């Protein structure tokens, strides 16, 4: 009697992993996630740029120093979060 050995690759099942889903719905879910992530990152980038323009303008100079610090930190966080999402590191 001869026993044959079957080897298979094991793909971890993380949330958003196409291998975790079966059928054609897996592809649409992954693409949907990617499109929503890119759209969200673009909105964050636009918000960061607009906040930066406000801070650099004459109206931004009239803000109180504490408000300028908060707006600067918010713009920086928005920019870094958008870059992180676009880099693909946010994906599990």
PDB file of N, CA and C in Angstrom:
ATOM      1  N   UNK A   1       0.829  -1.166   0.000  1.00  0.00           N
ATOM      2  CA  UNK A   1       0.000   0.000   0.000  1.00  0.00           C
ATOM      3  C   UNK A   1       0.881   1.239   0.000  1.00  0.00           C
ATOM      4  N   UNK A   2       0.571   2.146  -0.874  1.00  0.00           N
ATOM      5  CA  UNK A   2       1.373   3.350  -1.010  1.00  0.00           C
ATOM      6  C   UNK A   2       0.568   4.557  -0.515  1.00  0.00           C
ATOM      7  N   UNK A   3       1.208   5.354   0.323  1.00  0.00           N
ATOM      8  CA  UNK A   3       0.559   6.538   0.869  1.00  0.00           C
ATOM      9  C   UNK A   3       1.137   7.761   0.165  1.00  0.00           C
ATOM     10  N   UNK A   4       0.256   8.564  -0.388  1.00  0.00           N
ATOM     11  CA  UNK A   4       0.734   9.788  -1.043  1.00  0.00           C
ATOM     12  C   UNK A   4       0.607  10.948  -0.074  1.00  0.00           C
ATOM     13  N   UNK A   5       1.538  11.820  -0.179  1.00  0.00           N
ATOM     14  CA  UNK A   5       1.586  12.972   0.712  1.00  0.00           C
ATOM     15  C   UNK A   5       1.099  14.206  -0.035  1.00  0.00           C
ATOM     16  N   UNK A   6       0.163  14.880   0.546  1.00  0.00           N
ATOM     17  CA  UNK A   6      -0.387  16.090  -0.072  1.00  0.00           C
ATOM     18  C   UNK A   6       0.070  17.287   0.735  1.00  0.00           C
ATOM     19  N   UNK A   7       0.701  18.213   0.048  1.00  0.00           N
ATOM     20  CA  UNK A   7       1.155  19.438   0.709  1.00  0.00           C
ATOM     21  C   UNK A   7       0.277  20.593   0.256  1.00  0.00           C
ATOM     22  N   UNK A   8      -0.051  21.410   1.184  1.00  0.00           N
ATOM     23  CA  UNK A   8      -0.838  22.592   0.842  1.00  0.00           C
ATOM     24  C   UNK A   8      -0.272  23.784   1.585  1.00  0.00           C
ATOM     25  N   UNK A   9      -0.491  24.933   1.006  1.00  0.00           N
ATOM     26  CA  UNK A   9      -0.024  26.136   1.674  1.00  0.00           C
ATOM     27  C   UNK A   9      -1.138  26.635   2.582  1.00  0.00           C
ATOM     28  N   UNK A  10      -0.743  27.131   3.717  1.00  0.00           N
ATOM     29  CA  UNK A  10      -1.699  27.646   4.678  1.00  0.00           C
ATOM     30  C   UNK A  10      -1.646  29.165   4.644  1.00  0.00           C
ATOM     31  N   UNK A  11      -2.795  29.761   4.427  1.00  0.00           N
ATOM     32  CA  UNK A  11      -2.885  31.218   4.370  1.00  0.00           C
ATOM     33  C   UNK A  11      -3.602  31.676   5.627  1.00  0.00           C
ATOM     34  N   UNK A  12      -2.962  32.542   6.420  1.00  0.00           N
ATOM     35  CA  UNK A  12      -3.633  33.011   7.636  1.00  0.00           C
ATOM     36  C   UNK A  12      -4.898  33.784   7.306  1.00  0.00           C
ATOM     37  N   UNK A  13      -5.859  33.682   8.165  1.00  0.00           N
ATOM     38  CA  UNK A  13      -7.148  34.322   7.949  1.00  0.00           C
ATOM     39  C   UNK A  13      -7.245  35.597   8.782  1.00  0.00           C
ATOM     40  N   UNK A  14      -6.758  36.694   8.224  1.00  0.00           N
ATOM     41  CA  UNK A  14      -6.852  37.989   8.875  1.00  0.00           C
ATOM     42  C   UNK A  14      -8.067  38.727   8.344  1.00  0.00           C
ATOM     43  N   UNK A  15      -8.600  39.671   9.086  1.00  0.00           N
ATOM     44  CA  UNK A  15      -9.706  40.463   8.556  1.00  0.00           C
ATOM     45  C   UNK A  15      -9.275  41.200   7.290  1.00  0.00           C
ATOM     46  N   UNK A  16     -10.084  41.117   6.261  1.00  0.00           N
ATOM     47  CA  UNK A  16      -9.757  41.776   5.001  1.00  0.00           C
ATOM     48  C   UNK A  16      -8.909  40.928   4.078  1.00  0.00           C
ATOM     49  N   UNK A  17      -8.518  39.738   4.522  1.00  0.00           N
ATOM     50  CA  UNK A  17      -7.704  38.846   3.704  1.00  0.00           C
ATOM     51  C   UNK A  17      -8.605  38.165   2.682  1.00  0.00           C
ATOM     52  N   UNK A  18      -8.244  38.203   1.414  1.00  0.00           N
ATOM     53  CA  UNK A  18      -9.065  37.620   0.362  1.00  0.00           C
ATOM     54  C   UNK A  18      -9.180  36.107   0.527  1.00  0.00           C
ATOM     55  N   UNK A  19      -8.187  35.454   1.114  1.00  0.00           N
ATOM     56  CA  UNK A  19      -8.236  34.018   1.288  1.00  0.00           C
ATOM     57  C   UNK A  19      -9.227  33.615   2.375  1.00  0.00           C
ATOM     58  N   UNK A  20      -9.590  34.530   3.213  1.00  0.00           N
ATOM     59  CA  UNK A  20     -10.523  34.222   4.293  1.00  0.00           C
ATOM     60  C   UNK A  20     -11.956  34.125   3.773  1.00  0.00           C
ATOM     61  N   UNK A  21     -12.221  34.684   2.601  1.00  0.00           N
ATOM     62  CA  UNK A  21     -13.547  34.660   2.020  1.00  0.00           C
ATOM     63  C   UNK A  21     -13.572  33.672   0.872  1.00  0.00           C
ATOM     64  N   UNK A  22     -14.747  33.209   0.546  1.00  0.00           N
ATOM     65  CA  UNK A  22     -14.853  32.290  -0.578  1.00  0.00           C
ATOM     66  C   UNK A  22     -15.668  32.939  -1.681  1.00  0.00           C
ATOM     67  N   UNK A  23     -15.365  32.572  -2.902  1.00  0.00           N
ATOM     68  CA  UNK A  23     -16.129  33.065  -4.037  1.00  0.00           C
ATOM     69  C   UNK A  23     -15.674  34.416  -4.527  1.00  0.00           C
ATOM     70  N   UNK A  24     -16.495  34.976  -5.415  1.00  0.00           N
ATOM     71  CA  UNK A  24     -16.137  36.259  -6.023  1.00  0.00           C
ATOM     72  C   UNK A  24     -16.380  37.440  -5.097  1.00  0.00           C
ATOM     73  N   UNK A  25     -17.122  37.245  -4.014  1.00  0.00           N
ATOM     74  CA  UNK A  25     -17.366  38.342  -3.087  1.00  0.00           C
ATOM     75  C   UNK A  25     -16.081  38.782  -2.399  1.00  0.00           C
ATOM     76  N   UNK A  26     -15.099  37.878  -2.289  1.00  0.00           N
ATOM     77  CA  UNK A  26     -13.834  38.229  -1.641  1.00  0.00           C
ATOM     78  C   UNK A  26     -13.123  39.324  -2.417  1.00  0.00           C
ATOM     79  N   UNK A  27     -13.116  39.216  -3.729  1.00  0.00           N
ATOM     80  CA  UNK A  27     -12.434  40.210  -4.548  1.00  0.00           C
ATOM     81  C   UNK A  27     -13.117  41.559  -4.424  1.00  0.00           C
ATOM     82  N   UNK A  28     -14.443  41.576  -4.440  1.00  0.00           N
ATOM     83  CA  UNK A  28     -15.139  42.852  -4.349  1.00  0.00           C
ATOM     84  C   UNK A  28     -14.963  43.481  -2.972  1.00  0.00           C
ATOM     85  N   UNK A  29     -14.874  42.674  -1.912  1.00  0.00           N
ATOM     86  CA  UNK A  29     -14.667  43.227  -0.582  1.00  0.00           C
ATOM     87  C   UNK A  29     -13.285  43.857  -0.463  1.00  0.00           C
ATOM     88  N   UNK A  30     -12.275  43.206  -1.004  1.00  0.00           N
ATOM     89  CA  UNK A  30     -10.922  43.742  -0.929  1.00  0.00           C
ATOM     90  C   UNK A  30     -10.835  45.026  -1.744  1.00  0.00           C
ATOM     91  N   UNK A  31     -11.391  45.037  -2.920  1.00  0.00           N
ATOM     92  CA  UNK A  31     -11.348  46.251  -3.743  1.00  0.00           C
ATOM     93  C   UNK A  31     -12.136  47.374  -3.100  1.00  0.00           C
ATOM     94  N   UNK A  32     -13.272  47.047  -2.500  1.00  0.00           N
ATOM     95  CA  UNK A  32     -14.065  48.056  -1.817  1.00  0.00           C
ATOM     96  C   UNK A  32     -13.298  48.668  -0.659  1.00  0.00           C
ATOM     97  N   UNK A  33     -12.592  47.812   0.099  1.00  0.00           N
ATOM     98  CA  UNK A  33     -11.791  48.296   1.226  1.00  0.00           C
ATOM     99  C   UNK A  33     -10.691  49.223   0.724  1.00  0.00           C
ATOM    100  N   UNK A  34     -10.039  48.820  -0.358  1.00  0.00           N
ATOM    101  CA  UNK A  34      -8.957  49.638  -0.903  1.00  0.00           C
ATOM    102  C   UNK A  34      -9.479  50.979  -1.407  1.00  0.00           C
ATOM    103  N   UNK A  35     -10.615  50.968  -2.096  1.00  0.00           N
ATOM    104  CA  UNK A  35     -11.169  52.220  -2.618  1.00  0.00           C
ATOM    105  C   UNK A  35     -11.589  53.155  -1.494  1.00  0.00           C
ATOM    106  N   UNK A  36     -12.222  52.610  -0.469  1.00  0.00           N
ATOM    107  CA  UNK A  36     -12.648  53.439   0.654  1.00  0.00           C
ATOM    108  C   UNK A  36     -11.433  53.981   1.401  1.00  0.00           C
ATOM    109  N   UNK A  37     -10.398  53.160   1.554  1.00  0.00           N
ATOM    110  CA  UNK A  37      -9.185  53.612   2.233  1.00  0.00           C
ATOM    111  C   UNK A  37      -8.510  54.745   1.470  1.00  0.00           C
ATOM    112  N   UNK A  38      -8.421  54.600   0.173  1.00  0.00           N
ATOM    113  CA  UNK A  38      -7.795  55.642  -0.650  1.00  0.00           C
ATOM    114  C   UNK A  38      -8.623  56.926  -0.604  1.00  0.00           C
ATOM    115  N   UNK A  39      -9.950  56.805  -0.688  1.00  0.00           N
ATOM    116  CA  UNK A  39     -10.805  57.990  -0.626  1.00  0.00           C
ATOM    117  C   UNK A  39     -10.668  58.688   0.726  1.00  0.00           C
ATOM    118  N   UNK A  40     -10.634  57.914   1.802  1.00  0.00           N
ATOM    119  CA  UNK A  40     -10.478  58.489   3.138  1.00  0.00           C
ATOM    120  C   UNK A  40      -9.121  59.181   3.277  1.00  0.00           C
ATOM    121  N   UNK A  41      -8.075  58.570   2.732  1.00  0.00           N
ATOM    122  CA  UNK A  41      -6.740  59.167   2.803  1.00  0.00           C
ATOM    123  C   UNK A  41      -6.689  60.469   2.010  1.00  0.00           C
ATOM    124  N   UNK A  42      -7.366  60.512   0.883  1.00  0.00           N
ATOM    125  CA  UNK A  42      -7.392  61.737   0.076  1.00  0.00           C
ATOM    126  C   UNK A  42      -8.116  62.851   0.823  1.00  0.00           C
ATOM    127  N   UNK A  43      -9.220  62.516   1.488  1.00  0.00           N
ATOM    128  CA  UNK A  43      -9.939  63.512   2.283  1.00  0.00           C
ATOM    129  C   UNK A  43      -9.045  64.031   3.411  1.00  0.00           C
ATOM    130  N   UNK A  44      -8.312  63.131   4.067  1.00  0.00           N
ATOM    131  CA  UNK A  44      -7.398  63.553   5.130  1.00  0.00           C
ATOM    132  C   UNK A  44      -6.291  64.455   4.594  1.00  0.00           C
ATOM    133  N   UNK A  45      -5.747  64.111   3.431  1.00  0.00           N
ATOM    134  CA  UNK A  45      -4.702  64.941   2.837  1.00  0.00           C
ATOM    135  C   UNK A  45      -5.243  66.331   2.494  1.00  0.00           C
ATOM    136  N   UNK A  46      -6.441  66.389   1.941  1.00  0.00           N
ATOM    137  CA  UNK A  46      -7.040  67.687   1.615  1.00  0.00           C
ATOM    138  C   UNK A  46      -7.262  68.516   2.878  1.00  0.00           C
ATOM    139  N   UNK A  47      -7.750  67.876   3.938  1.00  0.00           N
ATOM    140  CA  UNK A  47      -7.974  68.597   5.194  1.00  0.00           C
ATOM    141  C   UNK A  47      -6.659  69.126   5.758  1.00  0.00           C
ATOM    142  N   UNK A  48      -5.609  68.308   5.692  1.00  0.00           N
ATOM    143  CA  UNK A  48      -4.311  68.743   6.213  1.00  0.00           C
ATOM    144  C   UNK A  48      -3.755  69.917   5.401  1.00  0.00           C
ATOM    145  N   UNK A  49      -3.889  69.847   4.083  1.00  0.00           N
ATOM    146  CA  UNK A  49      -3.383  70.926   3.235  1.00  0.00           C
ATOM    147  C   UNK A  49      -4.166  72.214   3.473  1.00  0.00           C
ATOM    148  N   UNK A  50      -5.483  72.110   3.563  1.00  0.00           N
ATOM    149  CA  UNK A  50      -6.291  73.310   3.801  1.00  0.00           C
ATOM    150  C   UNK A  50      -6.006  73.921   5.168  1.00  0.00           C
ATOM    151  N   UNK A  51      -5.801  73.069   6.176  1.00  0.00           N
ATOM    152  CA  UNK A  51      -5.452  73.594   7.502  1.00  0.00           C
ATOM    153  C   UNK A  51      -4.079  74.268   7.468  1.00  0.00           C
ATOM    154  N   UNK A  52      -3.150  73.674   6.742  1.00  0.00           N
ATOM    155  CA  UNK A  52      -1.825  74.274   6.618  1.00  0.00           C
ATOM    156  C   UNK A  52      -1.864  75.607   5.912  1.00  0.00           C
ATOM    157  N   UNK A  53      -2.699  75.698   4.859  1.00  0.00           N
ATOM    158  CA  UNK A  53      -2.840  76.979   4.154  1.00  0.00           C
ATOM    159  C   UNK A  53      -3.448  78.044   5.049  1.00  0.00           C
ATOM    160  N   UNK A  54      -4.430  77.647   5.875  1.00  0.00           N
ATOM    161  CA  UNK A  54      -5.034  78.599   6.798  1.00  0.00           C
ATOM    162  C   UNK A  54      -4.009  79.093   7.805  1.00  0.00           C
ATOM    163  N   UNK A  55      -3.206  78.184   8.324  1.00  0.00           N
ATOM    164  CA  UNK A  55      -2.202  78.578   9.317  1.00  0.00           C
ATOM    165  C   UNK A  55      -1.131  79.476   8.716  1.00  0.00           C
ATOM    166  N   UNK A  56      -0.835  79.307   7.435  1.00  0.00           N
ATOM    167  CA  UNK A  56       0.189  80.121   6.784  1.00  0.00           C
ATOM    168  C   UNK A  56      -0.352  81.470   6.305  1.00  0.00           C
ATOM    169  N   UNK A  57      -1.666  81.605   6.253  1.00  0.00           N
ATOM    170  CA  UNK A  57      -2.249  82.848   5.737  1.00  0.00           C
ATOM    171  C   UNK A  57      -2.315  83.923   6.828  1.00  0.00           C
ATOM    172  N   UNK A  58      -2.797  85.092   6.424  1.00  0.00           N
ATOM    173  CA  UNK A  58      -2.931  86.212   7.352  1.00  0.00           C
ATOM    174  C   UNK A  58      -3.951  85.902   8.443  1.00  0.00           C
ATOM    175  N   UNK A  59      -5.048  85.231   8.091  1.00  0.00           N
ATOM    176  CA  UNK A  59      -6.061  84.884   9.090  1.00  0.00           C
ATOM    177  C   UNK A  59      -5.505  83.919  10.132  1.00  0.00           C
ATOM    178  N   UNK A  60      -4.614  83.049   9.695  1.00  0.00           N
ATOM    179  CA  UNK A  60      -4.007  82.111  10.625  1.00  0.00           C
ATOM    180  C   UNK A  60      -3.099  82.784  11.632  1.00  0.00           C
ATOM    181  N   UNK A  61      -2.529  83.919  11.247  1.00  0.00           N
ATOM    182  CA  UNK A  61      -1.657  84.655  12.160  1.00  0.00           C
ATOM    183  C   UNK A  61      -2.456  85.317  13.280  1.00  0.00           C
ATOM    184  N   UNK A  62      -3.746  85.514  13.048  1.00  0.00           N
ATOM    185  CA  UNK A  62      -4.585  86.154  14.045  1.00  0.00           C
ATOM    186  C   UNK A  62      -5.099  85.189  15.115  1.00  0.00           C
ATOM    187  N   UNK A  63      -4.879  83.887  14.906  1.00  0.00           N
ATOM    188  CA  UNK A  63      -5.342  82.904  15.885  1.00  0.00           C
ATOM    189  C   UNK A  63      -4.523  82.991  17.163  1.00  0.00           C
ATOM    190  N   UNK A  64      -5.141  82.588  18.256  1.00  0.00           N
ATOM    191  CA  UNK A  64      -4.415  82.528  19.520  1.00  0.00           C
ATOM    192  C   UNK A  64      -3.339  81.457  19.425  1.00  0.00           C
ATOM    193  N   UNK A  65      -2.223  81.624  20.127  1.00  0.00           N
ATOM    194  CA  UNK A  65      -1.135  80.637  20.029  1.00  0.00           C
ATOM    195  C   UNK A  65      -1.563  79.213  20.395  1.00  0.00           C
ATOM    196  N   UNK A  66      -2.433  79.073  21.381  1.00  0.00           N
ATOM    197  CA  UNK A  66      -2.873  77.721  21.742  1.00  0.00           C
ATOM    198  C   UNK A  66      -3.693  77.095  20.611  1.00  0.00           C
ATOM    199  N   UNK A  67      -4.532  77.903  19.952  1.00  0.00           N
ATOM    200  CA  UNK A  67      -5.332  77.388  18.837  1.00  0.00           C
ATOM    201  C   UNK A  67      -4.441  77.057  17.640  1.00  0.00           C
ATOM    202  N   UNK A  68      -3.415  77.865  17.412  1.00  0.00           N
ATOM    203  CA  UNK A  68      -2.474  77.557  16.322  1.00  0.00           C
ATOM    204  C   UNK A  68      -1.758  76.242  16.581  1.00  0.00           C
ATOM    205  N   UNK A  69      -1.375  75.997  17.836  1.00  0.00           N
ATOM    206  CA  UNK A  69      -0.688  74.749  18.180  1.00  0.00           C
ATOM    207  C   UNK A  69      -1.604  73.550  17.970  1.00  0.00           C
ATOM    208  N   UNK A  70      -2.852  73.687  18.367  1.00  0.00           N
ATOM    209  CA  UNK A  70      -3.810  72.586  18.187  1.00  0.00           C
ATOM    210  C   UNK A  70      -4.058  72.327  16.708  1.00  0.00           C
ATOM    211  N   UNK A  71      -4.238  73.376  15.920  1.00  0.00           N
ATOM    212  CA  UNK A  71      -4.469  73.220  14.486  1.00  0.00           C
ATOM    213  C   UNK A  71      -3.242  72.642  13.778  1.00  0.00           C
ATOM    214  N   UNK A  72      -2.070  73.054  14.192  1.00  0.00           N
ATOM    215  CA  UNK A  72      -0.840  72.517  13.606  1.00  0.00           C
ATOM    216  C   UNK A  72      -0.707  71.031  13.911  1.00  0.00           C
ATOM    217  N   UNK A  73      -0.985  70.649  15.149  1.00  0.00           N
ATOM    218  CA  UNK A  73      -0.909  69.232  15.527  1.00  0.00           C
ATOM    219  C   UNK A  73      -1.959  68.418  14.776  1.00  0.00           C
ATOM    220  N   UNK A  74      -3.163  68.957  14.625  1.00  0.00           N
ATOM    221  CA  UNK A  74      -4.217  68.252  13.902  1.00  0.00           C
ATOM    222  C   UNK A  74      -3.841  68.049  12.436  1.00  0.00           C
ATOM    223  N   UNK A  75      -3.292  69.088  11.806  1.00  0.00           N
ATOM    224  CA  UNK A  75      -2.881  68.980  10.410  1.00  0.00           C
ATOM    225  C   UNK A  75      -1.768  67.953  10.249  1.00  0.00           C
ATOM    226  N   UNK A  76      -0.828  67.933  11.172  1.00  0.00           N
ATOM    227  CA  UNK A  76       0.265  66.963  11.111  1.00  0.00           C
ATOM    228  C   UNK A  76      -0.246  65.544  11.297  1.00  0.00           C
ATOM    229  N   UNK A  77      -1.148  65.354  12.243  1.00  0.00           N
ATOM    230  CA  UNK A  77      -1.707  64.016  12.471  1.00  0.00           C
ATOM    231  C   UNK A  77      -2.514  63.557  11.259  1.00  0.00           C
ATOM    232  N   UNK A  78      -3.308  64.447  10.673  1.00  0.00           N
ATOM    233  CA  UNK A  78      -4.072  64.094   9.480  1.00  0.00           C
ATOM    234  C   UNK A  78      -3.143  63.699   8.335  1.00  0.00           C
ATOM    235  N   UNK A  79      -2.078  64.465   8.142  1.00  0.00           N
ATOM    236  CA  UNK A  79      -1.132  64.174   7.071  1.00  0.00           C
ATOM    237  C   UNK A  79      -0.449  62.818   7.289  1.00  0.00           C
ATOM    238  N   UNK A  80       0.028  62.574   8.496  1.00  0.00           N
ATOM    239  CA  UNK A  80       0.717  61.309   8.781  1.00  0.00           C
ATOM    240  C   UNK A  80      -0.221  60.111   8.678  1.00  0.00           C
ATOM    241  N   UNK A  81      -1.463  60.266   9.130  1.00  0.00           N
ATOM    242  CA  UNK A  81      -2.433  59.186   9.028  1.00  0.00           C
ATOM    243  C   UNK A  81      -2.749  58.870   7.566  1.00  0.00           C
ATOM    244  N   UNK A  82      -2.890  59.895   6.747  1.00  0.00           N
ATOM    245  CA  UNK A  82      -3.153  59.683   5.320  1.00  0.00           C
ATOM    246  C   UNK A  82      -1.985  58.964   4.645  1.00  0.00           C
ATOM    247  N   UNK A  83      -0.765  59.356   4.963  1.00  0.00           N
ATOM    248  CA  UNK A  83       0.412  58.691   4.388  1.00  0.00           C
ATOM    249  C   UNK A  83       0.476  57.242   4.848  1.00  0.00           C
ATOM    250  N   UNK A  84       0.157  56.989   6.103  1.00  0.00           N
ATOM    251  CA  UNK A  84       0.165  55.630   6.645  1.00  0.00           C
ATOM    252  C   UNK A  84      -0.865  54.753   5.933  1.00  0.00           C
ATOM    253  N   UNK A  85      -2.053  55.301   5.690  1.00  0.00           N
ATOM    254  CA  UNK A  85      -3.086  54.529   5.000  1.00  0.00           C
ATOM    255  C   UNK A  85      -2.680  54.266   3.557  1.00  0.00           C
ATOM    256  N   UNK A  86      -2.158  55.274   2.862  1.00  0.00           N
ATOM    257  CA  UNK A  86      -1.764  55.095   1.467  1.00  0.00           C
ATOM    258  C   UNK A  86      -0.572  54.160   1.303  1.00  0.00           C
ATOM    259  N   UNK A  87       0.274  54.060   2.331  1.00  0.00           N
ATOM    260  CA  UNK A  87       1.444  53.181   2.239  1.00  0.00           C
ATOM    261  C   UNK A  87       1.063  51.704   2.289  1.00  0.00           C
ATOM    262  N   UNK A  88      -0.113  51.404   2.805  1.00  0.00           N
ATOM    263  CA  UNK A  88      -0.538  50.013   2.902  1.00  0.00           C
ATOM    264  C   UNK A  88      -0.192  49.366   4.225  1.00  0.00           C
ATOM    265  N   UNK A  89       0.470  50.079   5.098  1.00  0.00           N
ATOM    266  CA  UNK A  89       0.811  49.517   6.402  1.00  0.00           C
ATOM    267  C   UNK A  89      -0.403  49.391   7.313  1.00  0.00           C
ATOM    268  N   UNK A  90      -1.471  50.127   6.997  1.00  0.00           N
ATOM    269  CA  UNK A  90      -2.674  50.079   7.820  1.00  0.00           C
ATOM    270  C   UNK A  90      -3.466  48.802   7.570  1.00  0.00           C
ATOM    271  N   UNK A  91      -3.157  48.119   6.484  1.00  0.00           N
ATOM    272  CA  UNK A  91      -3.883  46.903   6.114  1.00  0.00           C
ATOM    273  C   UNK A  91      -3.428  45.740   6.964  1.00  0.00           C
ATOM    274  N   UNK A  92      -4.333  44.950   7.472  1.00  0.00           N
ATOM    275  CA  UNK A  92      -3.985  43.790   8.299  1.00  0.00           C
ATOM    276  C   UNK A  92      -3.719  42.607   7.421  1.00  0.00           C
TER     277      UNK A  92
END
